[in-house]
């Protein structure tokens, strides 16, 4: 009798992990890269063709990004400026540039501004959005077959950044650029049990909507570097 009970316990113990892992569903999410919006004037392209190392300043429109109180995003501005330097641009100090503008009582004479700042182009960072939601009910199973979930949707954070370019010498608005970070373009693996998914759905139904956190800091910094490379390419091409 003891042997029989022992065998029953052993069988139950063996079956528990089997049942647990059978409830695991490995899925892969993929989103299609969102198209960038770019517009450059011929005069900007001609200027950059003649001036391989233009003098530029990154001007930040406040608030260009919706951040929590006390959050420092200078690392994003530095990432952009460093990439401009790496692309052959001569980067002017943005704080000094702002002081020059303020000393003119906001009445900007672009000819005088060019002389006083020794700058050719203003690259204005108008907006950073790190809380763009990408959502789908479509996923790929372990055999890379497309499946559609009837009960659940999957969300990932994306981002975008917008620039505006002004040629100081001619006071010409010469380019506008919006670059998008689309998550999971190459696939994101998600593995959740059926129990977890049902728990998340019940929790979502009980709770009110909460503020999104957005793209992770490291991802956002890499996106800023990549977006700046694309900006330089679009300005010159």
Protein backbone atom coordinates (compact mmCIF):
# COMPACT_ATOMS: atom_id res chain seq x y z
CA UNK A 1 0.00 0.00 0.00
CA UNK A 2 2.84 2.38 0.86
CA UNK A 3 4.49 1.58 -2.46
CA UNK A 4 1.26 2.35 -4.29
CA UNK A 5 0.92 5.74 -2.54
CA UNK A 6 4.54 6.51 -3.29
CA UNK A 7 4.05 5.78 -6.99
CA UNK A 8 0.93 7.94 -7.11
CA UNK A 9 2.78 10.86 -5.51
CA UNK A 10 5.68 10.41 -7.91
CA UNK A 11 3.33 10.41 -10.92
CA UNK A 12 1.55 13.58 -9.68
CA UNK A 13 4.87 15.30 -9.03
CA UNK A 14 6.05 14.41 -12.51
CA UNK A 15 2.84 15.61 -14.18
CA UNK A 16 2.69 19.04 -12.50
CA UNK A 17 5.62 20.57 -14.44
CA UNK A 18 4.40 18.88 -17.62
CA UNK A 19 0.97 20.46 -17.23
CA UNK A 20 2.54 23.80 -16.34
CA UNK A 21 4.81 23.94 -19.35
CA UNK A 22 2.01 22.77 -21.63
CA UNK A 23 0.24 26.00 -20.73
CA UNK A 24 3.15 28.09 -21.92
CA UNK A 25 2.61 29.65 -25.31
CA UNK A 26 5.64 31.13 -27.07
CA UNK A 27 4.71 33.95 -29.39
CA UNK A 28 6.54 36.52 -31.47
CA UNK A 29 5.27 40.02 -32.20
CA UNK A 30 6.23 41.97 -35.30
CA UNK A 31 5.29 45.50 -36.30
CA UNK A 32 5.86 47.09 -39.71
CA UNK A 33 8.30 50.00 -39.68
CA UNK A 34 6.39 53.28 -39.74
CA UNK A 35 7.37 55.58 -42.61
CA UNK A 36 9.37 58.73 -41.81
CA UNK A 37 8.20 62.17 -42.94
CA UNK A 38 11.00 64.25 -44.46
CA UNK A 39 11.16 67.46 -46.47
CA UNK A 40 14.36 69.27 -47.53
CA UNK A 41 14.65 72.30 -49.78
CA UNK A 42 17.04 72.40 -52.72
CA UNK A 43 18.78 75.42 -51.21
CA UNK A 44 19.69 73.40 -48.11
CA UNK A 45 21.05 70.56 -50.23
CA UNK A 46 23.06 73.02 -52.33
CA UNK A 47 24.44 74.72 -49.22
CA UNK A 48 25.57 71.41 -47.70
CA UNK A 49 27.09 70.38 -51.00
CA UNK A 50 29.30 73.48 -50.88
CA UNK A 51 29.87 73.39 -47.11
CA UNK A 52 30.98 69.95 -45.97
CA UNK A 53 31.49 71.06 -42.35
CA UNK A 54 28.66 73.48 -41.58
CA UNK A 55 28.39 75.25 -38.24
CA UNK A 56 25.19 74.21 -36.51
CA UNK A 57 23.44 74.62 -33.20
CA UNK A 58 20.85 72.32 -31.66
CA UNK A 59 18.01 74.44 -30.37
CA UNK A 60 15.54 72.80 -28.01
CA UNK A 61 11.93 73.92 -27.90
CA UNK A 62 10.62 73.70 -24.36
CA UNK A 63 8.99 71.45 -23.55
CA UNK A 64 10.01 69.26 -26.47
CA UNK A 65 9.30 66.14 -24.44
CA UNK A 66 6.67 65.35 -21.82
CA UNK A 67 8.75 64.33 -18.80
CA UNK A 68 8.09 63.86 -15.11
CA UNK A 69 9.25 66.57 -12.72
CA UNK A 70 12.98 66.43 -12.07
CA UNK A 71 13.69 64.08 -14.97
CA UNK A 72 16.85 65.02 -16.85
CA UNK A 73 16.93 64.34 -20.58
CA UNK A 74 20.19 66.11 -21.39
CA UNK A 75 21.59 62.71 -22.35
CA UNK A 76 19.30 62.78 -25.40
CA UNK A 77 20.50 66.24 -26.47
CA UNK A 78 24.10 65.11 -25.98
CA UNK A 79 23.47 61.99 -28.10
CA UNK A 80 22.19 64.17 -30.94
CA UNK A 81 25.07 66.64 -30.73
CA UNK A 82 27.67 63.87 -30.55
CA UNK A 83 26.25 62.28 -33.68
CA UNK A 84 26.29 65.63 -35.49
CA UNK A 85 29.96 65.97 -34.56
CA UNK A 86 30.65 62.46 -35.82
CA UNK A 87 28.98 63.42 -39.12
CA UNK A 88 31.41 66.30 -39.71
CA UNK A 89 29.27 69.17 -38.41
CA UNK A 90 30.78 71.90 -36.24
CA UNK A 91 28.43 72.08 -33.24
CA UNK A 92 27.96 75.35 -31.36
CA UNK A 93 27.07 75.60 -27.68
CA UNK A 94 23.28 75.68 -27.46
CA UNK A 95 23.17 77.50 -24.12
CA UNK A 96 25.42 80.28 -25.39
CA UNK A 97 23.28 80.52 -28.52
CA UNK A 98 20.15 80.94 -26.38
CA UNK A 99 21.84 83.71 -24.39
CA UNK A 100 22.60 85.59 -27.62
CA UNK A 101 18.95 85.35 -28.66
CA UNK A 102 17.71 86.49 -25.23
CA UNK A 103 20.07 89.47 -25.26
CA UNK A 104 18.35 90.61 -28.44
CA UNK A 105 15.03 90.77 -26.56
CA UNK A 106 13.64 88.05 -28.81
CA UNK A 107 13.75 90.36 -31.86
CA UNK A 108 15.91 88.10 -34.00
CA UNK A 109 17.86 89.71 -36.80
CA UNK A 110 19.22 86.65 -38.56
CA UNK A 111 22.06 88.51 -40.24
CA UNK A 112 23.32 89.80 -36.89
CA UNK A 113 22.64 86.43 -35.29
CA UNK A 114 24.84 84.71 -37.85
CA UNK A 115 27.71 87.08 -37.13
CA UNK A 116 27.39 86.99 -33.36
CA UNK A 117 26.93 83.20 -33.10
CA UNK A 118 29.13 82.23 -36.06
CA UNK A 119 26.50 79.63 -37.00
CA UNK A 120 25.10 78.52 -40.36
CA UNK A 121 22.16 76.31 -39.44
CA UNK A 122 19.72 76.01 -36.59
CA UNK A 123 18.58 72.42 -36.05
CA UNK A 124 15.54 72.80 -33.86
CA UNK A 125 14.35 69.82 -31.85
CA UNK A 126 10.62 70.44 -31.76
CA UNK A 127 9.27 67.23 -30.26
CA UNK A 128 10.22 63.87 -28.76
CA UNK A 129 7.44 61.37 -28.10
CA UNK A 130 8.51 58.21 -26.28
CA UNK A 131 5.01 56.96 -25.50
CA UNK A 132 3.56 55.92 -28.83
CA UNK A 133 1.54 52.73 -28.45
CA UNK A 134 1.77 50.01 -31.07
CA UNK A 135 -0.98 47.44 -30.62
CA UNK A 136 -1.96 44.24 -32.37
CA UNK A 137 -3.93 41.04 -31.86
CA UNK A 138 -1.75 39.24 -34.42
CA UNK A 139 1.25 37.13 -33.45
CA UNK A 140 3.51 34.42 -34.84
CA UNK A 141 3.64 30.98 -33.24
CA UNK A 142 6.73 28.84 -32.73
CA UNK A 143 6.37 27.60 -36.33
CA UNK A 144 6.37 31.19 -37.62
CA UNK A 145 2.72 30.97 -38.63
CA UNK A 146 0.47 34.00 -38.27
CA UNK A 147 -2.19 33.67 -35.58
CA UNK A 148 -4.92 36.02 -34.43
CA UNK A 149 -5.95 36.27 -30.80
CA UNK A 150 -9.67 36.69 -30.22
CA UNK A 151 -9.36 37.65 -26.56
CA UNK A 152 -6.12 39.60 -26.16
CA UNK A 153 -4.15 42.42 -27.75
CA UNK A 154 -0.44 43.02 -27.36
CA UNK A 155 1.17 46.42 -26.86
CA UNK A 156 4.70 47.77 -27.24
CA UNK A 157 6.08 51.28 -26.89
CA UNK A 158 7.42 53.17 -29.88
CA UNK A 159 8.81 56.67 -30.26
CA UNK A 160 9.24 59.57 -32.68
CA UNK A 161 11.38 62.69 -32.93
CA UNK A 162 10.80 65.85 -34.97
CA UNK A 163 13.36 68.37 -36.24
CA UNK A 164 13.12 71.69 -38.04
CA UNK A 165 16.05 73.27 -39.89
CA UNK A 166 16.58 77.00 -40.53
CA UNK A 167 19.33 78.53 -42.65
CA UNK A 168 20.40 81.60 -40.70
CA UNK A 169 22.00 83.53 -43.57
CA UNK A 170 18.79 83.65 -45.60
CA UNK A 171 16.33 83.25 -42.71
CA UNK A 172 14.90 80.34 -44.68
CA UNK A 173 12.85 77.51 -43.27
CA UNK A 174 14.63 74.75 -45.15
CA UNK A 175 13.61 71.38 -43.77
CA UNK A 176 11.24 69.44 -41.54
CA UNK A 177 11.85 65.86 -40.46
CA UNK A 178 9.99 63.29 -38.42
CA UNK A 179 11.64 59.95 -37.65
CA UNK A 180 9.89 56.97 -36.11
CA UNK A 181 11.06 54.18 -33.84
CA UNK A 182 8.86 51.16 -34.44
CA UNK A 183 9.26 48.36 -31.88
CA UNK A 184 9.65 44.67 -32.72
CA UNK A 185 10.41 45.17 -36.42
CA UNK A 186 12.65 42.10 -36.26
CA UNK A 187 10.38 40.32 -33.79
CA UNK A 188 9.89 40.34 -30.02
CA UNK A 189 9.50 37.05 -28.18
CA UNK A 190 6.75 36.86 -25.60
CA UNK A 191 6.09 33.78 -23.48
CA UNK A 192 3.10 33.78 -21.17
CA UNK A 193 0.95 31.09 -19.67
CA UNK A 194 -2.78 31.01 -20.23
CA UNK A 195 -3.26 31.68 -16.51
CA UNK A 196 -1.10 34.81 -16.71
CA UNK A 197 -2.98 36.14 -19.72
CA UNK A 198 -6.36 35.68 -18.03
CA UNK A 199 -4.99 37.31 -14.88
CA UNK A 200 -3.78 40.33 -16.88
CA UNK A 201 -7.12 40.70 -18.60
CA UNK A 202 -9.03 40.62 -15.29
CA UNK A 203 -6.59 43.12 -13.79
CA UNK A 204 -6.98 45.43 -16.78
CA UNK A 205 -10.75 45.31 -16.45
CA UNK A 206 -10.58 46.22 -12.75
CA UNK A 207 -8.05 49.03 -12.97
CA UNK A 208 -8.40 52.46 -14.49
CA UNK A 209 -6.06 53.53 -17.28
CA UNK A 210 -2.59 54.50 -16.04
CA UNK A 211 0.05 56.78 -17.51
CA UNK A 212 2.42 55.11 -19.92
CA UNK A 213 6.11 54.99 -19.07
CA UNK A 214 7.40 54.86 -22.63
CA UNK A 215 10.43 53.48 -24.39
CA UNK A 216 13.32 52.39 -22.16
CA UNK A 217 16.12 54.95 -21.65
CA UNK A 218 18.82 52.97 -23.48
CA UNK A 219 16.53 52.24 -26.41
CA UNK A 220 15.52 55.89 -26.66
CA UNK A 221 19.14 57.04 -26.65
CA UNK A 222 20.02 54.62 -29.45
CA UNK A 223 16.99 55.81 -31.41
CA UNK A 224 18.17 59.44 -31.06
CA UNK A 225 21.58 58.51 -32.48
CA UNK A 226 20.00 56.62 -35.37
CA UNK A 227 17.49 59.42 -36.04
CA UNK A 228 20.31 61.98 -36.16
CA UNK A 229 22.20 59.86 -38.69
CA UNK A 230 19.04 59.70 -40.82
CA UNK A 231 18.58 63.46 -40.40
CA UNK A 232 22.08 64.18 -41.73
CA UNK A 233 21.56 61.78 -44.62
CA UNK A 234 18.24 63.38 -45.59
CA UNK A 235 19.65 66.91 -45.33
CA UNK A 236 22.55 66.07 -47.61
CA UNK A 237 20.83 63.81 -50.13
